[in-house]
Amino acid sequence: MLATIKATAKHIHERVNNFTPEVGIILGTGLGGLVKEINIIHKLEYKSIPDFPVSTVEGHSGNLIFGTLGGKNIVAMQGRFHYYEGYTMHQVVFPVRVMKFLGIKNLVVSNASGGVNPDFEVGDIMIINDHINQFPSNPLIGPNIDELGPRFPDFSKAYDKNLIAKAVSIAKAHSIKVQQGVYVGLSGPCLETKAEYGYVRAIGGDTVGMSTVPEVIAAHHMSIPCFAVSIITDLGVPGKIEFTTHTDVQRVAAESEPKMTLILKELISSL
């Protein structure tokens, strides 16, 4: 596996003329607007990269973008991979591991999620300060790759406190309301039942989604500081649960995306 990761990173480096990114970015459903802020230098389609998975979900374009944002060299995934698409956990996090060997020092992740905290509203931005892994698997299962990280990594600080503090300060300076909370990762692809929303809240969750946790596990395993943010696209709160479609999720995410983009752009600039 390690040889494949390194070979893919080498292939990409050669195609982008050895451009070295400092920050890796993963853009979630309906949150691709950040790409408009990037000074794009290279763009590679996933399907043209050896051993890379291919996005199959509407709202995930399927491009690996290299350029500058906030004065920093970045690589952005315009579209991510999900366990529910049939990929193994190792395939889901393969791009994050490749990013490590491309040179990233920080990882920024975004997603669209369902809010289960009764204080949340549709369109809110939530900075993730912890997660609960409810996926049926884990990307670290199997033989440990010592060059990536330890067999039993500590996850008491999976989300970087300094990055969180900077983001909160940036949001405050721009009068942008942000929440903080715990993200619960489920396999999907079903949107949750009322009982499942209740379960997620009961175990300590504030939002629920189908991504992010695997990528953060892989990145933190490799000692890459992580920052993650959710846009609340629907509510799983008693009395506020409504019929929701993937189209609804994309629409709400796109409406709140400019505020998230502003925070992320300034956060990356501060690194």
Protein backbone atom coordinates (compact mmCIF):
# COMPACT_ATOMS: atom_id res chain seq x y z
CA MET A 1 0.00 0.00 0.00
CA LEU A 2 2.75 2.47 0.92
CA ALA A 3 4.50 1.86 -2.39
CA THR A 4 1.25 2.67 -4.24
CA ILE A 5 0.75 5.88 -2.22
CA LYS A 6 4.29 7.03 -2.97
CA ALA A 7 4.03 6.08 -6.65
CA THR A 8 0.82 8.09 -7.06
CA ALA A 9 2.35 11.09 -5.27
CA LYS A 10 5.41 10.87 -7.52
CA HIS A 11 3.21 10.73 -10.64
CA ILE A 12 1.25 13.80 -9.50
CA HIS A 13 4.40 15.75 -8.57
CA GLU A 14 5.81 15.16 -12.03
CA ARG A 15 2.59 16.30 -13.72
CA VAL A 16 2.42 19.53 -11.66
CA ASN A 17 6.09 20.36 -12.18
CA ASN A 18 6.97 19.55 -8.55
CA PHE A 19 4.52 22.12 -7.18
CA THR A 20 4.51 21.55 -3.40
CA PRO A 21 1.31 22.35 -1.47
CA GLU A 22 1.38 23.46 2.17
CA VAL A 23 -2.32 22.94 2.82
CA GLY A 24 -4.69 20.18 1.74
CA ILE A 25 -8.39 21.01 1.32
CA ILE A 26 -11.33 18.62 0.96
CA LEU A 27 -14.52 20.23 -0.32
CA GLY A 28 -17.86 18.70 0.65
CA THR A 29 -21.27 18.49 -1.03
CA GLY A 30 -22.29 21.84 -2.52
CA LEU A 31 -19.19 23.52 -1.13
CA GLY A 32 -17.05 23.77 -4.25
CA GLY A 33 -17.35 27.55 -4.40
CA LEU A 34 -14.03 27.93 -2.62
CA VAL A 35 -12.42 26.88 -5.89
CA LYS A 36 -13.38 30.27 -7.35
CA GLU A 37 -11.04 31.89 -4.83
CA ILE A 38 -8.08 29.71 -5.80
CA ASN A 39 -5.47 30.95 -8.25
CA ILE A 40 -5.39 27.67 -10.18
CA ILE A 41 -2.03 26.55 -11.52
CA HIS A 42 -2.79 22.90 -12.29
CA LYS A 43 -5.99 20.84 -12.43
CA LEU A 44 -5.96 17.04 -12.69
CA GLU A 45 -9.04 14.91 -13.21
CA TYR A 46 -9.23 12.06 -10.72
CA LYS A 47 -9.74 9.58 -13.53
CA SER A 48 -6.34 10.56 -14.96
CA ILE A 49 -4.47 9.78 -11.72
CA PRO A 50 -3.22 6.19 -11.17
CA ASP A 51 -5.03 4.31 -8.37
CA PHE A 52 -7.21 7.33 -7.51
CA PRO A 53 -10.90 6.61 -6.89
CA VAL A 54 -13.49 8.53 -8.93
CA SER A 55 -16.32 10.64 -7.47
CA THR A 56 -19.76 9.21 -8.22
CA VAL A 57 -21.92 11.64 -6.23
CA GLU A 58 -23.74 14.66 -7.66
CA GLY A 59 -22.08 17.85 -6.41
CA HIS A 60 -18.59 16.32 -6.38
CA SER A 61 -16.72 17.42 -9.51
CA GLY A 62 -13.77 15.04 -9.40
CA ASN A 63 -10.72 17.29 -9.78
CA LEU A 64 -7.47 17.67 -7.88
CA ILE A 65 -6.63 21.36 -7.97
CA PHE A 66 -3.24 22.94 -7.30
CA GLY A 67 -2.78 26.66 -6.84
CA THR A 68 -2.57 29.44 -4.30
CA LEU A 69 -5.15 30.64 -1.77
CA GLY A 70 -4.55 33.26 0.88
CA GLY A 71 -0.93 33.42 -0.20
CA LYS A 72 -0.35 29.71 0.45
CA ASN A 73 0.29 26.83 -1.92
CA ILE A 74 -2.67 24.46 -1.69
CA VAL A 75 -4.06 21.26 -3.14
CA ALA A 76 -7.85 20.96 -3.12
CA MET A 77 -10.04 17.95 -3.68
CA GLN A 78 -13.05 19.17 -5.64
CA GLY A 79 -15.14 16.17 -4.68
CA ARG A 80 -14.41 13.46 -2.11
CA PHE A 81 -14.99 9.75 -1.79
CA HIS A 82 -17.47 8.06 0.52
CA TYR A 83 -17.71 4.64 2.11
CA TYR A 84 -21.30 4.31 0.83
CA GLU A 85 -20.08 4.50 -2.78
CA GLY A 86 -18.65 1.03 -2.27
CA TYR A 87 -15.07 2.10 -1.66
CA THR A 88 -13.04 0.52 1.11
CA MET A 89 -11.86 2.77 3.92
CA HIS A 90 -8.34 2.57 2.50
CA GLN A 91 -9.62 3.90 -0.83
CA VAL A 92 -11.61 6.66 0.87
CA VAL A 93 -8.48 8.02 2.61
CA PHE A 94 -6.01 7.22 -0.17
CA PRO A 95 -5.98 10.87 -1.43
CA VAL A 96 -5.23 12.17 2.09
CA ARG A 97 -2.25 9.85 2.35
CA VAL A 98 -1.09 10.94 -1.10
CA MET A 99 -1.39 14.58 0.02
CA LYS A 100 1.02 13.78 2.88
CA PHE A 101 3.67 12.79 0.36
CA LEU A 102 2.85 15.79 -1.80
CA GLY A 103 3.97 17.91 1.15
CA ILE A 104 0.90 19.21 3.03
CA LYS A 105 1.39 20.41 6.62
CA ASN A 106 -2.29 21.08 7.46
CA LEU A 107 -5.63 19.61 6.34
CA VAL A 108 -8.87 21.59 6.02
CA VAL A 109 -12.10 19.64 5.55
CA SER A 110 -15.67 20.79 4.86
CA ASN A 111 -18.96 18.95 4.73
CA ALA A 112 -22.73 19.30 4.66
CA SER A 113 -24.41 17.72 7.66
CA GLY A 114 -27.65 17.28 9.54
CA GLY A 115 -27.99 19.16 12.82
CA VAL A 116 -29.29 17.34 15.90
CA ASN A 117 -28.52 20.07 18.43
CA PRO A 118 -31.80 21.93 19.17
CA ASP A 119 -29.88 25.24 19.29
CA PHE A 120 -28.85 24.88 15.64
CA GLU A 121 -30.65 26.24 12.59
CA VAL A 122 -30.50 25.36 8.90
CA GLY A 123 -27.63 27.28 7.31
CA ASP A 124 -25.53 27.45 10.48
CA ILE A 125 -21.78 26.90 10.25
CA MET A 126 -20.37 24.50 12.83
CA ILE A 127 -16.67 24.15 13.56
CA ILE A 128 -15.99 20.53 14.47
CA ASN A 129 -14.14 20.14 17.77
CA ASP A 130 -14.49 16.36 18.07
CA HIS A 131 -16.08 13.39 16.35
CA ILE A 132 -17.68 10.02 17.06
CA ASN A 133 -16.88 7.28 14.56
CA GLN A 134 -20.00 5.23 13.82
CA PHE A 135 -18.76 3.88 10.49
CA PRO A 136 -18.65 0.07 10.37
CA SER A 137 -14.92 0.24 9.65
CA ASN A 138 -11.80 2.33 10.24
CA PRO A 139 -9.03 3.28 7.77
CA LEU A 140 -6.38 2.13 10.26
CA ILE A 141 -7.65 -1.47 10.37
CA GLY A 142 -5.10 -3.90 8.96
CA PRO A 143 -1.32 -3.94 9.12
CA ASN A 144 -0.01 -0.62 10.44
CA ILE A 145 2.23 1.39 8.14
CA ASP A 146 4.84 2.65 10.60
CA GLU A 147 6.08 5.29 8.18
CA LEU A 148 2.63 6.90 8.31
CA GLY A 149 2.05 6.73 12.06
CA PRO A 150 1.81 4.59 15.22
CA ARG A 151 -0.25 1.44 15.63
CA PHE A 152 -2.37 3.02 18.39
CA PRO A 153 -2.60 6.78 17.72
CA ASP A 154 -4.03 9.04 20.42
CA PHE A 155 -7.16 10.89 19.30
CA SER A 156 -7.83 13.12 22.30
CA LYS A 157 -6.85 16.11 20.14
CA ALA A 158 -7.97 15.10 16.64
CA TYR A 159 -9.01 18.65 15.74
CA ASP A 160 -6.33 21.30 16.19
CA LYS A 161 -7.24 23.76 18.96
CA ASN A 162 -5.08 26.55 17.54
CA LEU A 163 -6.80 26.33 14.15
CA ILE A 164 -10.20 26.32 15.85
CA ALA A 165 -9.31 29.42 17.87
CA LYS A 166 -8.12 31.24 14.75
CA ALA A 167 -11.30 30.37 12.86
CA VAL A 168 -13.51 31.56 15.72
CA SER A 169 -11.60 34.84 15.84
CA ILE A 170 -11.93 35.31 12.07
CA ALA A 171 -15.67 34.62 12.20
CA LYS A 172 -16.11 37.10 15.05
CA ALA A 173 -14.19 39.79 13.16
CA HIS A 174 -16.62 39.41 10.24
CA SER A 175 -19.74 39.07 12.43
CA ILE A 176 -20.30 35.52 11.16
CA LYS A 177 -22.18 33.29 13.56
CA VAL A 178 -20.44 29.96 14.12
CA GLN A 179 -21.29 27.00 16.29
CA GLN A 180 -18.92 24.41 17.68
CA GLY A 181 -19.68 20.78 18.29
CA VAL A 182 -19.28 17.06 17.76
CA TYR A 183 -19.71 15.44 14.34
CA VAL A 184 -20.98 11.86 14.17
CA GLY A 185 -19.95 9.90 11.09
CA LEU A 186 -22.37 7.27 9.73
CA SER A 187 -22.00 5.11 6.64
CA GLY A 188 -25.08 6.34 4.72
CA PRO A 189 -26.36 6.62 2.07
CA CYS A 190 -29.76 6.76 3.77
CA LEU A 191 -30.61 10.02 5.44
CA GLU A 192 -31.34 9.27 9.07
CA THR A 193 -34.63 8.11 10.55
CA LYS A 194 -36.15 10.08 13.43
CA ALA A 195 -34.97 7.40 15.83
CA GLU A 196 -31.44 7.55 14.42
CA TYR A 197 -31.35 11.33 14.82
CA GLY A 198 -32.37 10.79 18.44
CA TYR A 199 -29.63 8.20 18.87
CA VAL A 200 -26.99 10.53 17.43
CA ARG A 201 -28.02 13.24 19.89
CA ALA A 202 -28.13 10.80 22.80
CA ILE A 203 -24.55 9.63 22.24
CA GLY A 204 -23.26 13.20 22.26
CA GLY A 205 -23.49 14.39 18.66
CA ASP A 206 -24.36 17.85 17.41
CA THR A 207 -24.30 17.02 13.70
CA VAL A 208 -24.36 13.86 11.62
CA GLY A 209 -22.92 13.12 8.19
CA MET A 210 -21.37 10.51 5.92
CA SER A 211 -17.79 11.73 5.52
CA THR A 212 -14.93 13.61 7.23
CA VAL A 213 -14.23 11.14 10.05
CA PRO A 214 -12.20 8.71 7.88
CA GLU A 215 -10.13 11.52 6.34
CA VAL A 216 -9.40 13.08 9.73
CA ILE A 217 -8.45 9.69 11.19
CA ALA A 218 -5.96 9.14 8.36
CA ALA A 219 -4.53 12.66 8.59
CA HIS A 220 -4.21 12.70 12.38
CA HIS A 221 -2.54 9.29 12.22
CA MET A 222 0.11 10.99 10.07
CA SER A 223 0.44 13.91 12.55
CA ILE A 224 -1.21 16.40 10.18
CA PRO A 225 -3.12 19.15 12.08
CA CYS A 226 -6.80 19.08 11.05
CA PHE A 227 -9.52 21.72 10.86
CA ALA A 228 -13.05 20.75 9.84
CA VAL A 229 -16.30 22.66 9.37
CA SER A 230 -19.89 21.63 8.71
CA ILE A 231 -22.74 23.54 7.13
CA ILE A 232 -26.04 22.49 8.69
CA THR A 233 -28.26 21.69 5.71
CA ASP A 234 -31.18 20.02 7.53
CA LEU A 235 -32.35 19.41 11.08
CA GLY A 236 -32.86 16.14 12.91
CA VAL A 237 -34.46 17.85 15.89
CA PRO A 238 -37.91 16.73 17.14
CA GLY A 239 -40.54 19.06 15.70
CA LYS A 240 -38.17 20.37 13.03
CA ILE A 241 -37.58 17.21 10.97
CA GLU A 242 -38.73 17.63 7.37
CA PHE A 243 -38.53 15.55 4.22
CA THR A 244 -35.05 16.15 2.79
CA THR A 245 -33.45 15.37 -0.57
CA HIS A 246 -29.85 15.53 -1.78
CA THR A 247 -30.92 18.54 -3.87
CA ASP A 248 -32.07 20.33 -0.71
CA VAL A 249 -28.71 19.61 0.91
CA GLN A 250 -26.80 21.04 -2.06
CA ARG A 251 -28.98 24.15 -2.17
CA VAL A 252 -28.57 25.05 1.50
CA ALA A 253 -24.85 24.31 1.40
CA ALA A 254 -24.40 26.63 -1.57
CA GLU A 255 -26.30 29.42 0.18
CA SER A 256 -24.06 29.34 3.28
CA GLU A 257 -20.87 28.52 1.40
CA PRO A 258 -19.66 32.16 0.90
CA LYS A 259 -19.39 32.69 4.67
CA MET A 260 -17.51 29.42 5.08
CA THR A 261 -15.22 30.36 2.19
CA LEU A 262 -14.35 33.68 3.83
CA ILE A 263 -13.39 31.95 7.07
CA LEU A 264 -11.34 29.26 5.34
CA LYS A 265 -9.54 31.71 3.08
CA GLU A 266 -8.40 33.86 6.00
CA LEU A 267 -7.60 30.80 8.11
CA ILE A 268 -5.33 29.42 5.41
CA SER A 269 -3.72 32.83 5.00
CA SER A 270 -2.86 32.83 8.71
CA LEU A 271 -1.03 29.52 8.65
